[in-house]
Amino acid sequence: MPIIIAQDGMTELETGFVFDDQCLYAFAQVSERPNASSSIDIYIDPKNKNHTTIEKGVYKFNVSADDKLAVYQGEDGQWATQTATGIKWKAKKQVSAYVVEIAIPWALLGGKPALNKRIGLNVALNASDGYTENISSNEADKPYTWCTLKLK
């Protein structure tokens, strides 16, 4: 079932997730006006700690329209830059959109969670128009507000 973010402006995001024993995969399409330069954030709480702020073991992956990746892990309420060890990604521009594919190794996230266990998930669109839109009711730096993702 896709996640769609398209309420606040002209830029729209549609994303979905699949997995195997090695990685969590995210696929996204961002529709925007030509020559815009937005990015997406994927937030993961793989152990379902449900912290009230960002802490160790909570991750953020930012992929931009120009194919750049930044990886962060929570640390004492702040996002600390991490190395992108083992992550594979690609952002491919089209006329009025771009497509993102990212493979996040379970090893980077502390191991693959058991089937049917809750993983905290948020996705955010950082539009080039200057606004950020999260999944409805989710707050970027508050993992306890994030949606549920279960491996089935």
C-alpha atoms as a PDB file:
ATOM      1  CA  MET A   1       0.000   0.000   0.000  1.00  0.00           C
ATOM      2  CA  PRO A   2       1.628   3.280  -1.040  1.00  0.00           C
ATOM      3  CA  ILE A   3       2.166   6.274   1.208  1.00  0.00           C
ATOM      4  CA  ILE A   4       1.174   9.556  -0.431  1.00  0.00           C
ATOM      5  CA  ILE A   5       2.205  13.032   0.724  1.00  0.00           C
ATOM      6  CA  ALA A   6       0.488  15.742  -1.294  1.00  0.00           C
ATOM      7  CA  GLN A   7      -1.485  18.045   0.960  1.00  0.00           C
ATOM      8  CA  ASP A   8       0.561  21.202   1.499  1.00  0.00           C
ATOM      9  CA  GLY A   9       1.804  22.272  -1.928  1.00  0.00           C
ATOM     10  CA  MET A  10       2.451  21.499  -5.581  1.00  0.00           C
ATOM     11  CA  THR A  11       5.123  18.840  -4.929  1.00  0.00           C
ATOM     12  CA  GLU A  12       3.818  15.303  -4.373  1.00  0.00           C
ATOM     13  CA  LEU A  13       5.458  12.161  -2.999  1.00  0.00           C
ATOM     14  CA  GLU A  14       4.358   8.545  -3.365  1.00  0.00           C
ATOM     15  CA  THR A  15       6.434   5.855  -1.675  1.00  0.00           C
ATOM     16  CA  GLY A  16       6.344   2.171  -0.731  1.00  0.00           C
ATOM     17  CA  PHE A  17       8.508  -0.387   1.064  1.00  0.00           C
ATOM     18  CA  VAL A  18       9.507  -4.028   0.581  1.00  0.00           C
ATOM     19  CA  PHE A  19      12.160  -6.179   2.257  1.00  0.00           C
ATOM     20  CA  ASP A  20      14.228  -9.320   2.059  1.00  0.00           C
ATOM     21  CA  ASP A  21      16.656 -10.938   4.512  1.00  0.00           C
ATOM     22  CA  GLN A  22      19.414  -8.425   3.702  1.00  0.00           C
ATOM     23  CA  CYS A  23      17.697  -5.038   3.272  1.00  0.00           C
ATOM     24  CA  LEU A  24      14.707  -2.771   3.671  1.00  0.00           C
ATOM     25  CA  TYR A  25      13.933  -1.202   0.287  1.00  0.00           C
ATOM     26  CA  ALA A  26      12.131   2.082  -0.284  1.00  0.00           C
ATOM     27  CA  PHE A  27      10.849   3.266  -3.637  1.00  0.00           C
ATOM     28  CA  ALA A  28       9.539   6.784  -4.152  1.00  0.00           C
ATOM     29  CA  GLN A  29       8.351   9.055  -6.919  1.00  0.00           C
ATOM     30  CA  VAL A  30       8.321  12.789  -6.394  1.00  0.00           C
ATOM     31  CA  SER A  31       6.327  14.918  -8.830  1.00  0.00           C
ATOM     32  CA  GLU A  32       7.380  18.546  -8.965  1.00  0.00           C
ATOM     33  CA  ARG A  33       7.766  21.394 -11.391  1.00  0.00           C
ATOM     34  CA  PRO A  34      10.746  21.215 -13.794  1.00  0.00           C
ATOM     35  CA  ASN A  35      14.132  22.241 -12.346  1.00  0.00           C
ATOM     36  CA  ALA A  36      12.877  22.070  -8.754  1.00  0.00           C
ATOM     37  CA  SER A  37      15.192  20.427  -6.231  1.00  0.00           C
ATOM     38  CA  SER A  38      13.370  18.731  -3.378  1.00  0.00           C
ATOM     39  CA  SER A  39      14.447  15.804  -1.205  1.00  0.00           C
ATOM     40  CA  ILE A  40      12.844  13.076   0.855  1.00  0.00           C
ATOM     41  CA  ASP A  41      13.540  11.859   4.385  1.00  0.00           C
ATOM     42  CA  ILE A  42      12.893   8.307   5.517  1.00  0.00           C
ATOM     43  CA  TYR A  43      12.836   7.881   9.297  1.00  0.00           C
ATOM     44  CA  ILE A  44      13.193   4.405  10.833  1.00  0.00           C
ATOM     45  CA  ASP A  45      12.836   3.260  14.442  1.00  0.00           C
ATOM     46  CA  PRO A  46      13.760  -0.408  13.779  1.00  0.00           C
ATOM     47  CA  LYS A  47      13.533  -1.576  17.403  1.00  0.00           C
ATOM     48  CA  ASN A  48      10.298   0.341  18.080  1.00  0.00           C
ATOM     49  CA  LYS A  49      11.750   2.267  21.009  1.00  0.00           C
ATOM     50  CA  ASN A  50       9.038   4.946  20.639  1.00  0.00           C
ATOM     51  CA  HIS A  51      11.263   7.650  22.134  1.00  0.00           C
ATOM     52  CA  THR A  52       9.812  11.100  22.772  1.00  0.00           C
ATOM     53  CA  THR A  53      12.865  12.564  20.996  1.00  0.00           C
ATOM     54  CA  ILE A  54      15.480  11.240  18.606  1.00  0.00           C
ATOM     55  CA  GLU A  55      17.928   8.901  20.311  1.00  0.00           C
ATOM     56  CA  LYS A  56      20.517   6.273  19.407  1.00  0.00           C
ATOM     57  CA  GLY A  57      19.004   3.493  17.295  1.00  0.00           C
ATOM     58  CA  VAL A  58      16.668   5.860  15.389  1.00  0.00           C
ATOM     59  CA  TYR A  59      17.701   6.721  11.816  1.00  0.00           C
ATOM     60  CA  LYS A  60      17.059   9.307   9.114  1.00  0.00           C
ATOM     61  CA  PHE A  61      17.952   8.855   5.447  1.00  0.00           C
ATOM     62  CA  ASN A  62      17.790  11.914   3.176  1.00  0.00           C
ATOM     63  CA  VAL A  63      17.888  11.449  -0.607  1.00  0.00           C
ATOM     64  CA  SER A  64      17.854  14.509  -2.841  1.00  0.00           C
ATOM     65  CA  ALA A  65      16.660  14.960  -6.403  1.00  0.00           C
ATOM     66  CA  ASP A  66      20.293  15.362  -7.442  1.00  0.00           C
ATOM     67  CA  ASP A  67      21.154  11.843  -6.168  1.00  0.00           C
ATOM     68  CA  LYS A  68      22.848  12.747  -2.885  1.00  0.00           C
ATOM     69  CA  LEU A  69      22.411  10.674   0.272  1.00  0.00           C
ATOM     70  CA  ALA A  70      22.855  11.802   3.875  1.00  0.00           C
ATOM     71  CA  VAL A  71      22.495   9.344   6.765  1.00  0.00           C
ATOM     72  CA  TYR A  72      21.839  10.297  10.383  1.00  0.00           C
ATOM     73  CA  GLN A  73      21.361   8.531  13.712  1.00  0.00           C
ATOM     74  CA  GLY A  74      19.777  10.062  16.764  1.00  0.00           C
ATOM     75  CA  GLU A  75      22.045  11.105  19.577  1.00  0.00           C
ATOM     76  CA  ASP A  76      20.814  12.963  22.671  1.00  0.00           C
ATOM     77  CA  GLY A  77      17.939  14.676  20.848  1.00  0.00           C
ATOM     78  CA  GLN A  78      20.000  15.647  17.760  1.00  0.00           C
ATOM     79  CA  TRP A  79      20.688  14.058  14.373  1.00  0.00           C
ATOM     80  CA  ALA A  80      24.341  12.959  14.108  1.00  0.00           C
ATOM     81  CA  THR A  81      25.829  12.309  10.660  1.00  0.00           C
ATOM     82  CA  GLN A  82      26.642   8.640   9.974  1.00  0.00           C
ATOM     83  CA  THR A  83      28.544   6.896   7.206  1.00  0.00           C
ATOM     84  CA  ALA A  84      26.418   5.282   4.496  1.00  0.00           C
ATOM     85  CA  THR A  85      28.042   1.862   4.908  1.00  0.00           C
ATOM     86  CA  GLY A  86      26.444  -0.700   2.592  1.00  0.00           C
ATOM     87  CA  ILE A  87      23.539   1.513   1.504  1.00  0.00           C
ATOM     88  CA  LYS A  88      22.708   1.527  -2.180  1.00  0.00           C
ATOM     89  CA  TRP A  89      20.580   4.307  -3.647  1.00  0.00           C
ATOM     90  CA  LYS A  90      19.709   6.068  -6.868  1.00  0.00           C
ATOM     91  CA  ALA A  91      17.686   9.186  -7.636  1.00  0.00           C
ATOM     92  CA  LYS A  92      16.868   9.513 -11.316  1.00  0.00           C
ATOM     93  CA  LYS A  93      15.464  12.775 -12.657  1.00  0.00           C
ATOM     94  CA  GLN A  94      12.688  12.866 -15.212  1.00  0.00           C
ATOM     95  CA  VAL A  95      11.010  15.910 -16.806  1.00  0.00           C
ATOM     96  CA  SER A  96       8.723  16.865 -13.911  1.00  0.00           C
ATOM     97  CA  ALA A  97       9.554  14.166 -11.375  1.00  0.00           C
ATOM     98  CA  TYR A  98      12.303  12.000  -9.980  1.00  0.00           C
ATOM     99  CA  VAL A  99      12.365   8.411  -8.794  1.00  0.00           C
ATOM    100  CA  VAL A 100      14.293   7.246  -5.714  1.00  0.00           C
ATOM    101  CA  GLU A 101      15.353   3.707  -4.872  1.00  0.00           C
ATOM    102  CA  ILE A 102      17.227   2.952  -1.657  1.00  0.00           C
ATOM    103  CA  ALA A 103      18.380  -0.329  -0.102  1.00  0.00           C
ATOM    104  CA  ILE A 104      19.110  -0.045   3.625  1.00  0.00           C
ATOM    105  CA  PRO A 105      20.963  -3.070   5.038  1.00  0.00           C
ATOM    106  CA  TRP A 106      19.386  -4.595   8.124  1.00  0.00           C
ATOM    107  CA  ALA A 107      22.908  -4.855   9.576  1.00  0.00           C
ATOM    108  CA  LEU A 108      23.102  -1.029   9.657  1.00  0.00           C
ATOM    109  CA  LEU A 109      19.794  -0.947  11.585  1.00  0.00           C
ATOM    110  CA  GLY A 110      20.908  -3.489  14.201  1.00  0.00           C
ATOM    111  CA  GLY A 111      19.507  -6.576  12.461  1.00  0.00           C
ATOM    112  CA  LYS A 112      16.284  -7.548  10.757  1.00  0.00           C
ATOM    113  CA  PRO A 113      13.251  -7.241  13.047  1.00  0.00           C
ATOM    114  CA  ALA A 114      11.037 -10.295  13.533  1.00  0.00           C
ATOM    115  CA  LEU A 115       8.003 -10.662  11.296  1.00  0.00           C
ATOM    116  CA  ASN A 116       4.868  -8.844  12.494  1.00  0.00           C
ATOM    117  CA  LYS A 117       6.836  -6.697  14.973  1.00  0.00           C
ATOM    118  CA  ARG A 118       6.261  -2.956  14.843  1.00  0.00           C
ATOM    119  CA  ILE A 119       8.886  -0.711  13.261  1.00  0.00           C
ATOM    120  CA  GLY A 120       8.418   3.053  13.589  1.00  0.00           C
ATOM    121  CA  LEU A 121       8.290   4.809  10.204  1.00  0.00           C
ATOM    122  CA  ASN A 122       7.955   8.357   8.985  1.00  0.00           C
ATOM    123  CA  VAL A 123       8.476   9.831   5.537  1.00  0.00           C
ATOM    124  CA  ALA A 124       8.872  13.530   4.834  1.00  0.00           C
ATOM    125  CA  LEU A 125       8.926  15.585   1.667  1.00  0.00           C
ATOM    126  CA  ASN A 126      11.268  18.600   1.732  1.00  0.00           C
ATOM    127  CA  ALA A 127       9.845  20.657  -1.117  1.00  0.00           C
ATOM    128  CA  SER A 128      11.974  23.173  -2.966  1.00  0.00           C
ATOM    129  CA  ASP A 129       9.183  25.691  -2.248  1.00  0.00           C
ATOM    130  CA  GLY A 130      10.494  25.833   1.328  1.00  0.00           C
ATOM    131  CA  TYR A 131       8.107  23.604   3.260  1.00  0.00           C
ATOM    132  CA  THR A 132       8.437  20.123   4.767  1.00  0.00           C
ATOM    133  CA  GLU A 133       5.485  17.760   4.891  1.00  0.00           C
ATOM    134  CA  ASN A 134       5.489  14.576   6.988  1.00  0.00           C
ATOM    135  CA  ILE A 135       3.027  11.722   6.893  1.00  0.00           C
ATOM    136  CA  SER A 136      -0.138  13.132   8.442  1.00  0.00           C
ATOM    137  CA  SER A 137       0.064  13.300  12.275  1.00  0.00           C
ATOM    138  CA  ASN A 138       3.765  12.321  12.299  1.00  0.00           C
ATOM    139  CA  GLU A 139       6.400  14.659  13.715  1.00  0.00           C
ATOM    140  CA  ALA A 140       9.928  14.281  12.350  1.00  0.00           C
ATOM    141  CA  ASP A 141      11.818  14.404  15.651  1.00  0.00           C
ATOM    142  CA  LYS A 142       9.261  12.530  17.770  1.00  0.00           C
ATOM    143  CA  PRO A 143       9.428   8.784  17.011  1.00  0.00           C
ATOM    144  CA  TYR A 144       6.454   8.024  19.257  1.00  0.00           C
ATOM    145  CA  THR A 145       4.258   9.789  16.640  1.00  0.00           C
ATOM    146  CA  TRP A 146       5.495   7.711  13.704  1.00  0.00           C
ATOM    147  CA  CYS A 147       3.427   5.196  11.734  1.00  0.00           C
ATOM    148  CA  THR A 148       3.663   1.441  12.043  1.00  0.00           C
ATOM    149  CA  LEU A 149       5.537  -0.657   9.499  1.00  0.00           C
ATOM    150  CA  LYS A 150       5.380  -4.433   9.933  1.00  0.00           C
ATOM    151  CA  LEU A 151       7.318  -7.045   8.000  1.00  0.00           C
ATOM    152  CA  LYS A 152       4.905  -9.693   6.740  1.00  0.00           C
END
